[in-house]
C-alpha atoms as a PDB file:
ATOM      1  CA  MET A   1     -41.959  32.849  54.756  1.00  0.00           C
ATOM      2  CA  GLU A   2     -41.446  35.076  51.526  1.00  0.00           C
ATOM      3  CA  ARG A   3     -38.223  37.074  53.361  1.00  0.00           C
ATOM      4  CA  ASP A   4     -36.691  33.195  54.822  1.00  0.00           C
ATOM      5  CA  LEU A   5     -36.835  31.970  51.082  1.00  0.00           C
ATOM      6  CA  ASP A   6     -35.634  35.463  49.947  1.00  0.00           C
ATOM      7  CA  LEU A   7     -32.751  34.647  52.220  1.00  0.00           C
ATOM      8  CA  ILE A   8     -32.366  30.901  51.436  1.00  0.00           C
ATOM      9  CA  PHE A   9     -32.201  31.403  47.428  1.00  0.00           C
ATOM     10  CA  ALA A  10     -30.298  34.490  47.611  1.00  0.00           C
ATOM     11  CA  ALA A  11     -27.702  32.274  50.318  1.00  0.00           C
ATOM     12  CA  LEU A  12     -28.148  29.369  47.462  1.00  0.00           C
ATOM     13  CA  ALA A  13     -27.327  31.483  44.748  1.00  0.00           C
ATOM     14  CA  ASP A  14     -23.235  32.093  45.216  1.00  0.00           C
ATOM     15  CA  PRO A  15     -21.648  28.738  44.004  1.00  0.00           C
ATOM     16  CA  THR A  16     -19.203  29.161  47.191  1.00  0.00           C
ATOM     17  CA  ARG A  17     -21.847  28.840  49.985  1.00  0.00           C
ATOM     18  CA  ARG A  18     -23.318  26.217  47.445  1.00  0.00           C
ATOM     19  CA  ALA A  19     -20.095  24.072  47.801  1.00  0.00           C
ATOM     20  CA  ILE A  20     -19.138  24.629  51.555  1.00  0.00           C
ATOM     21  CA  LEU A  21     -23.030  23.584  51.982  1.00  0.00           C
ATOM     22  CA  ALA A  22     -21.969  20.104  50.258  1.00  0.00           C
ATOM     23  CA  MET A  23     -18.714  20.010  52.614  1.00  0.00           C
ATOM     24  CA  LEU A  24     -21.282  20.487  55.374  1.00  0.00           C
ATOM     25  CA  LEU A  25     -22.973  17.471  54.725  1.00  0.00           C
ATOM     26  CA  GLU A  26     -20.069  15.270  55.217  1.00  0.00           C
ATOM     27  CA  ASP A  27     -19.814  16.956  58.974  1.00  0.00           C
ATOM     28  CA  ASP A  28     -19.619  19.380  61.589  1.00  0.00           C
ATOM     29  CA  MET A  29     -15.912  21.360  60.242  1.00  0.00           C
ATOM     30  CA  ALA A  30     -13.549  23.992  62.232  1.00  0.00           C
ATOM     31  CA  VAL A  31     -14.240  27.511  60.175  1.00  0.00           C
ATOM     32  CA  THR A  32     -10.315  26.977  58.908  1.00  0.00           C
ATOM     33  CA  ASP A  33     -11.360  23.854  57.412  1.00  0.00           C
ATOM     34  CA  VAL A  34     -14.464  25.166  55.802  1.00  0.00           C
ATOM     35  CA  ALA A  35     -11.214  27.870  54.034  1.00  0.00           C
ATOM     36  CA  ALA A  36      -8.888  25.570  53.337  1.00  0.00           C
ATOM     37  CA  PRO A  37     -10.159  24.664  50.293  1.00  0.00           C
ATOM     38  CA  PHE A  38     -11.137  28.087  48.546  1.00  0.00           C
ATOM     39  CA  ALA A  39      -8.443  30.799  47.011  1.00  0.00           C
ATOM     40  CA  MET A  40      -9.608  33.611  49.482  1.00  0.00           C
ATOM     41  CA  SER A  41      -9.198  35.337  52.468  1.00  0.00           C
ATOM     42  CA  LEU A  42     -10.823  33.869  56.327  1.00  0.00           C
ATOM     43  CA  ALA A  43     -12.577  37.240  56.270  1.00  0.00           C
ATOM     44  CA  GLY A  44     -13.983  36.140  52.786  1.00  0.00           C
ATOM     45  CA  ILE A  45     -15.381  32.995  54.103  1.00  0.00           C
ATOM     46  CA  SER A  46     -16.251  34.151  57.276  1.00  0.00           C
ATOM     47  CA  LYS A  47     -18.439  36.638  54.992  1.00  0.00           C
ATOM     48  CA  HIS A  48     -19.864  33.598  53.628  1.00  0.00           C
ATOM     49  CA  LEU A  49     -20.481  32.046  56.129  1.00  0.00           C
ATOM     50  CA  GLY A  50     -22.417  34.973  57.712  1.00  0.00           C
ATOM     51  CA  ILE A  51     -24.926  34.390  55.379  1.00  0.00           C
ATOM     52  CA  LEU A  52     -25.234  30.680  55.281  1.00  0.00           C
ATOM     53  CA  ALA A  53     -26.122  31.702  58.908  1.00  0.00           C
ATOM     54  CA  THR A  54     -28.461  34.242  58.365  1.00  0.00           C
ATOM     55  CA  ALA A  55     -30.771  32.086  56.111  1.00  0.00           C
ATOM     56  CA  GLY A  56     -30.510  29.288  58.658  1.00  0.00           C
ATOM     57  CA  LEU A  57     -29.187  27.075  56.130  1.00  0.00           C
ATOM     58  CA  ILE A  58     -25.668  26.478  59.099  1.00  0.00           C
ATOM     59  CA  SER A  59     -25.108  27.175  62.863  1.00  0.00           C
ATOM     60  CA  GLN A  60     -22.214  28.302  64.070  1.00  0.00           C
ATOM     61  CA  GLU A  61     -20.851  27.628  67.738  1.00  0.00           C
ATOM     62  CA  ARG A  62     -17.581  27.793  69.815  1.00  0.00           C
ATOM     63  CA  ARG A  63     -15.821  24.858  70.687  1.00  0.00           C
ATOM     64  CA  GLY A  64     -13.112  25.875  72.917  1.00  0.00           C
ATOM     65  CA  ARG A  65     -10.772  28.381  70.679  1.00  0.00           C
ATOM     66  CA  VAL A  66     -12.274  27.014  67.342  1.00  0.00           C
ATOM     67  CA  LYS A  67     -15.787  28.020  66.168  1.00  0.00           C
ATOM     68  CA  TRP A  68     -17.754  25.140  64.539  1.00  0.00           C
ATOM     69  CA  CYS A  69     -20.011  25.571  61.423  1.00  0.00           C
ATOM     70  CA  LYS A  70     -22.887  22.412  60.945  1.00  0.00           C
ATOM     71  CA  LEU A  71     -25.108  22.466  58.406  1.00  0.00           C
ATOM     72  CA  GLU A  72     -29.189  22.838  59.446  1.00  0.00           C
ATOM     73  CA  PRO A  73     -30.826  20.822  56.979  1.00  0.00           C
ATOM     74  CA  ASP A  74     -34.527  21.372  58.145  1.00  0.00           C
ATOM     75  CA  ALA A  75     -33.314  25.382  57.101  1.00  0.00           C
ATOM     76  CA  MET A  76     -34.529  23.975  53.689  1.00  0.00           C
ATOM     77  CA  ARG A  77     -37.690  22.452  53.526  1.00  0.00           C
ATOM     78  CA  GLU A  78     -39.527  25.737  52.905  1.00  0.00           C
ATOM     79  CA  ALA A  79     -37.572  26.186  49.250  1.00  0.00           C
ATOM     80  CA  SER A  80     -38.431  22.970  49.221  1.00  0.00           C
ATOM     81  CA  ILE A  81     -42.400  22.755  49.643  1.00  0.00           C
ATOM     82  CA  TRP A  82     -42.058  25.922  47.337  1.00  0.00           C
ATOM     83  CA  MET A  83     -39.866  23.978  44.799  1.00  0.00           C
ATOM     84  CA  GLN A  84     -41.994  21.274  44.594  1.00  0.00           C
ATOM     85  CA  ALA A  85     -44.899  23.124  43.889  1.00  0.00           C
ATOM     86  CA  PHE A  86     -43.449  23.362  40.235  1.00  0.00           C
ATOM     87  CA  GLY A  87     -42.575  19.498  40.601  1.00  0.00           C
ATOM     88  CA  GLN A  88     -45.469  18.744  38.095  1.00  0.00           C
ATOM     89  CA  PHE A  89     -43.019  20.460  34.752  1.00  0.00           C
ATOM     90  CA  GLU A  90     -40.082  18.524  33.776  1.00  0.00           C
ATOM     91  CA  ALA A  91     -37.019  19.846  35.135  1.00  0.00           C
ATOM     92  CA  ILE A  92     -35.517  21.341  31.895  1.00  0.00           C
ATOM     93  CA  ASN A  93     -38.941  21.640  30.005  1.00  0.00           C
ATOM     94  CA  LEU A  94     -39.357  25.427  30.485  1.00  0.00           C
ATOM     95  CA  ASP A  95     -42.168  25.626  26.922  1.00  0.00           C
ATOM     96  CA  ALA A  96     -44.825  23.267  29.446  1.00  0.00           C
ATOM     97  CA  PHE A  97     -44.040  25.656  32.679  1.00  0.00           C
ATOM     98  CA  GLU A  98     -44.826  29.214  30.171  1.00  0.00           C
ATOM     99  CA  ARG A  99     -47.978  27.387  28.612  1.00  0.00           C
ATOM    100  CA  PHE A 100     -49.048  26.652  32.714  1.00  0.00           C
ATOM    101  CA  LEU A 101     -48.863  30.392  33.113  1.00  0.00           C
ATOM    102  CA  GLU A 102     -50.478  31.495  30.070  1.00  0.00           C
ATOM    103  CA  VAL A 103     -53.252  29.393  31.112  1.00  0.00           C
ATOM    104  CA  GLU A 104     -52.752  30.826  34.842  1.00  0.00           C
ATOM    105  CA  LEU A 105     -52.851  34.657  33.635  1.00  0.00           C
ATOM    106  CA  ALA A 106     -55.339  34.307  31.033  1.00  0.00           C
ATOM    107  CA  PRO A 107     -58.484  34.738  33.194  1.00  0.00           C
ATOM    108  CA  GLN A 108     -56.636  37.732  34.565  1.00  0.00           C
ATOM    109  CA  GLN A 109     -55.767  39.916  31.944  1.00  0.00           C
ATOM    110  CA  ASP A 110     -59.433  39.087  29.890  1.00  0.00           C
ATOM    111  CA  ASP A 111     -60.629  40.595  33.629  1.00  0.00           C
ATOM    112  CA  ALA A 112     -57.975  43.540  32.834  1.00  0.00           C
ATOM    113  CA  ASN A 113     -59.132  44.203  29.681  1.00  0.00           C
ATOM    114  CA  THR A 114     -62.613  43.607  30.040  1.00  0.00           C
ATOM    115  CA  PRO A 115     -64.161  47.371  30.444  1.00  0.00           C
ATOM    116  CA  PRO A 116     -66.271  47.942  33.523  1.00  0.00           C
ATOM    117  CA  GLY A 117     -69.891  47.790  33.139  1.00  0.00           C
END
């Protein structure tokens, strides 16, 4: 699961790949249509699509001579579940998250500083 999360978050880290996913929310698209709004080569877009496919966020299939891309929304389920664990915090309240971590890590730090005996 951790490897899958790493692949998903790495894929989502790039703004071009996020834009591609947003485009695919509408409908399946041919690779050339995916590439159209971007100022990069078809090979560059293909690399981005490969990363998204490796992460399981999209699938690709040939229909005749055209390669099509399809969003795979279930692939984000693991990432969504993982992020929901942090749902108890306000979206931008990092101070609360820091306090939570201090409380959670305090017993571990106390145990580490206690001499064996």
